[in-house]
Amino acid sequence: MAATAAFEFRDDAEAPVLALRGDWTVDTIAALEADLRDITERLKPGLVVDVAELGRIDVAGAYLVDRTFRDSAGDEARIAIRGKHDTAMQLLAAARKSAVAPASKPHG
């Protein structure tokens, strides 16, 4: 059975931290979307994503984290990772690489 996905946002002395807990998969993340949107304005460049208590993560979970960060800090901002979680690092990098900038409106 999947562990419930959760997060905690805190302002540490060094940088703001988004700590992920549980399994961030397509089956567990739907309930988090509104809460993540609520903290978007508090996120900023320099954000650290703490994966020390993260269980499983899939492409959907990585996309949600990356989209939340891009919505607040912009497409060019980097996500710093705290803790060791090889799958999270690979999937977050892939989500960032595959993010497509919105198309500009045609002139005329």
C-alpha atoms as a PDB file:
ATOM      1  CA  MET A   1       0.000   0.000   0.000  1.00  0.00           C
ATOM      2  CA  ALA A   2       1.245   3.480  -0.866  1.00  0.00           C
ATOM      3  CA  ALA A   3       2.325   5.848   1.890  1.00  0.00           C
ATOM      4  CA  THR A   4       0.287   9.050   1.943  1.00  0.00           C
ATOM      5  CA  ALA A   5       2.006  11.891   0.096  1.00  0.00           C
ATOM      6  CA  ALA A   6       2.576  14.993   2.198  1.00  0.00           C
ATOM      7  CA  PHE A   7       4.827  18.025   2.386  1.00  0.00           C
ATOM      8  CA  GLU A   8       5.969  20.651   4.836  1.00  0.00           C
ATOM      9  CA  PHE A   9       7.087  24.142   3.856  1.00  0.00           C
ATOM     10  CA  ARG A  10       9.397  26.006   6.189  1.00  0.00           C
ATOM     11  CA  ASP A  11      11.693  29.005   6.050  1.00  0.00           C
ATOM     12  CA  ASP A  12      15.073  27.769   7.297  1.00  0.00           C
ATOM     13  CA  ALA A  13      17.820  30.261   8.079  1.00  0.00           C
ATOM     14  CA  GLU A  14      19.712  29.274   4.912  1.00  0.00           C
ATOM     15  CA  ALA A  15      16.855  28.843   2.421  1.00  0.00           C
ATOM     16  CA  PRO A  16      13.148  28.020   2.157  1.00  0.00           C
ATOM     17  CA  VAL A  17      12.592  24.243   2.280  1.00  0.00           C
ATOM     18  CA  LEU A  18       9.864  22.093   0.747  1.00  0.00           C
ATOM     19  CA  ALA A  19      10.164  18.746   2.562  1.00  0.00           C
ATOM     20  CA  LEU A  20       8.471  15.826   0.779  1.00  0.00           C
ATOM     21  CA  ARG A  21       7.160  12.788   2.682  1.00  0.00           C
ATOM     22  CA  GLY A  22       5.492   9.571   1.642  1.00  0.00           C
ATOM     23  CA  ASP A  23       4.942   8.329  -1.902  1.00  0.00           C
ATOM     24  CA  TRP A  24       4.570  10.983  -4.611  1.00  0.00           C
ATOM     25  CA  THR A  25       2.929   8.951  -7.353  1.00  0.00           C
ATOM     26  CA  VAL A  26       0.004   9.346  -9.722  1.00  0.00           C
ATOM     27  CA  ASP A  27      -2.127   7.470  -7.166  1.00  0.00           C
ATOM     28  CA  THR A  28      -1.284   9.719  -4.193  1.00  0.00           C
ATOM     29  CA  ILE A  29      -0.673  13.315  -5.307  1.00  0.00           C
ATOM     30  CA  ALA A  30      -4.104  14.582  -6.399  1.00  0.00           C
ATOM     31  CA  ALA A  31      -5.000  15.778  -2.902  1.00  0.00           C
ATOM     32  CA  LEU A  32      -1.808  17.882  -2.696  1.00  0.00           C
ATOM     33  CA  GLU A  33      -2.332  20.064  -5.741  1.00  0.00           C
ATOM     34  CA  ALA A  34      -4.499  22.741  -4.075  1.00  0.00           C
ATOM     35  CA  ASP A  35      -2.235  22.952  -1.008  1.00  0.00           C
ATOM     36  CA  LEU A  36       0.843  23.328  -3.223  1.00  0.00           C
ATOM     37  CA  ARG A  37      -0.855  26.114  -5.181  1.00  0.00           C
ATOM     38  CA  ASP A  38      -1.547  27.869  -1.860  1.00  0.00           C
ATOM     39  CA  ILE A  39       2.172  28.092  -1.044  1.00  0.00           C
ATOM     40  CA  THR A  40       3.346  28.993  -4.560  1.00  0.00           C
ATOM     41  CA  GLU A  41       3.711  32.688  -3.727  1.00  0.00           C
ATOM     42  CA  ARG A  42       5.946  31.863  -0.750  1.00  0.00           C
ATOM     43  CA  LEU A  43       8.391  29.851  -2.851  1.00  0.00           C
ATOM     44  CA  LYS A  44      11.330  31.688  -4.353  1.00  0.00           C
ATOM     45  CA  PRO A  45      14.672  31.069  -6.037  1.00  0.00           C
ATOM     46  CA  GLY A  46      17.009  29.247  -3.682  1.00  0.00           C
ATOM     47  CA  LEU A  47      14.293  26.805  -2.628  1.00  0.00           C
ATOM     48  CA  VAL A  48      15.548  23.467  -1.346  1.00  0.00           C
ATOM     49  CA  VAL A  49      13.528  20.303  -1.899  1.00  0.00           C
ATOM     50  CA  ASP A  50      14.214  17.912   0.979  1.00  0.00           C
ATOM     51  CA  VAL A  51      13.808  14.280  -0.119  1.00  0.00           C
ATOM     52  CA  ALA A  52      15.084  12.626   3.079  1.00  0.00           C
ATOM     53  CA  GLU A  53      11.602  11.290   3.968  1.00  0.00           C
ATOM     54  CA  LEU A  54      10.383  10.751   0.407  1.00  0.00           C
ATOM     55  CA  GLY A  55       9.241   7.228  -0.390  1.00  0.00           C
ATOM     56  CA  ARG A  56       8.450   6.400  -4.003  1.00  0.00           C
ATOM     57  CA  ILE A  57       8.170   9.032  -6.721  1.00  0.00           C
ATOM     58  CA  ASP A  58       7.072   8.711 -10.328  1.00  0.00           C
ATOM     59  CA  VAL A  59       6.912  11.072 -13.295  1.00  0.00           C
ATOM     60  CA  ALA A  60       3.603  12.560 -12.101  1.00  0.00           C
ATOM     61  CA  GLY A  61       5.042  13.385  -8.674  1.00  0.00           C
ATOM     62  CA  ALA A  62       8.191  14.903 -10.154  1.00  0.00           C
ATOM     63  CA  TYR A  63       6.125  16.956 -12.597  1.00  0.00           C
ATOM     64  CA  LEU A  64       3.950  18.329  -9.772  1.00  0.00           C
ATOM     65  CA  VAL A  65       7.006  19.413  -7.754  1.00  0.00           C
ATOM     66  CA  ASP A  66       8.675  20.966 -10.796  1.00  0.00           C
ATOM     67  CA  ARG A  67       5.506  22.736 -11.967  1.00  0.00           C
ATOM     68  CA  THR A  68       4.915  24.162  -8.500  1.00  0.00           C
ATOM     69  CA  PHE A  69       8.448  25.508  -8.407  1.00  0.00           C
ATOM     70  CA  ARG A  70       8.336  26.885 -11.975  1.00  0.00           C
ATOM     71  CA  ASP A  71       5.022  28.634 -11.251  1.00  0.00           C
ATOM     72  CA  SER A  72       6.626  30.500  -8.359  1.00  0.00           C
ATOM     73  CA  ALA A  73      10.304  30.951  -9.156  1.00  0.00           C
ATOM     74  CA  GLY A  74      10.296  30.881 -12.952  1.00  0.00           C
ATOM     75  CA  ASP A  75      11.495  28.484 -15.610  1.00  0.00           C
ATOM     76  CA  GLU A  76      15.179  29.324 -15.191  1.00  0.00           C
ATOM     77  CA  ALA A  77      15.384  28.796 -11.421  1.00  0.00           C
ATOM     78  CA  ARG A  78      17.134  25.641 -10.274  1.00  0.00           C
ATOM     79  CA  ILE A  79      15.824  23.248  -7.654  1.00  0.00           C
ATOM     80  CA  ALA A  80      18.375  22.327  -4.997  1.00  0.00           C
ATOM     81  CA  ILE A  81      17.968  18.839  -3.528  1.00  0.00           C
ATOM     82  CA  ARG A  82      18.679  17.983   0.113  1.00  0.00           C
ATOM     83  CA  GLY A  83      19.016  14.317   0.984  1.00  0.00           C
ATOM     84  CA  LYS A  84      19.748  11.314  -1.199  1.00  0.00           C
ATOM     85  CA  HIS A  85      17.088   9.860  -3.464  1.00  0.00           C
ATOM     86  CA  ASP A  86      18.439   8.826  -6.861  1.00  0.00           C
ATOM     87  CA  THR A  87      15.029   8.358  -8.477  1.00  0.00           C
ATOM     88  CA  ALA A  88      13.820  11.786  -7.332  1.00  0.00           C
ATOM     89  CA  MET A  89      16.938  13.464  -8.666  1.00  0.00           C
ATOM     90  CA  GLN A  90      16.592  11.764 -12.055  1.00  0.00           C
ATOM     91  CA  LEU A  91      12.865  12.416 -12.407  1.00  0.00           C
ATOM     92  CA  LEU A  92      13.048  16.048 -11.241  1.00  0.00           C
ATOM     93  CA  ALA A  93      15.828  16.679 -13.764  1.00  0.00           C
ATOM     94  CA  ALA A  94      13.768  15.009 -16.505  1.00  0.00           C
ATOM     95  CA  ALA A  95      10.656  17.016 -15.572  1.00  0.00           C
ATOM     96  CA  ARG A  96      12.612  20.267 -15.756  1.00  0.00           C
ATOM     97  CA  LYS A  97      14.218  19.329 -19.062  1.00  0.00           C
ATOM     98  CA  SER A  98      10.889  18.419 -20.651  1.00  0.00           C
ATOM     99  CA  ALA A  99       9.028  21.522 -19.443  1.00  0.00           C
ATOM    100  CA  VAL A 100       7.810  23.490 -22.416  1.00  0.00           C
ATOM    101  CA  ALA A 101       7.559  27.257 -22.263  1.00  0.00           C
ATOM    102  CA  PRO A 102       4.107  28.609 -23.142  1.00  0.00           C
ATOM    103  CA  ALA A 103       3.750  29.494 -26.803  1.00  0.00           C
ATOM    104  CA  SER A 104       3.755  33.180 -27.561  1.00  0.00           C
ATOM    105  CA  LYS A 105       0.614  34.664 -29.031  1.00  0.00           C
ATOM    106  CA  PRO A 106       0.750  35.141 -32.785  1.00  0.00           C
ATOM    107  CA  HIS A 107       0.919  38.730 -33.975  1.00  0.00           C
ATOM    108  CA  GLY A 108      -1.766  40.040 -36.199  1.00  0.00           C
END
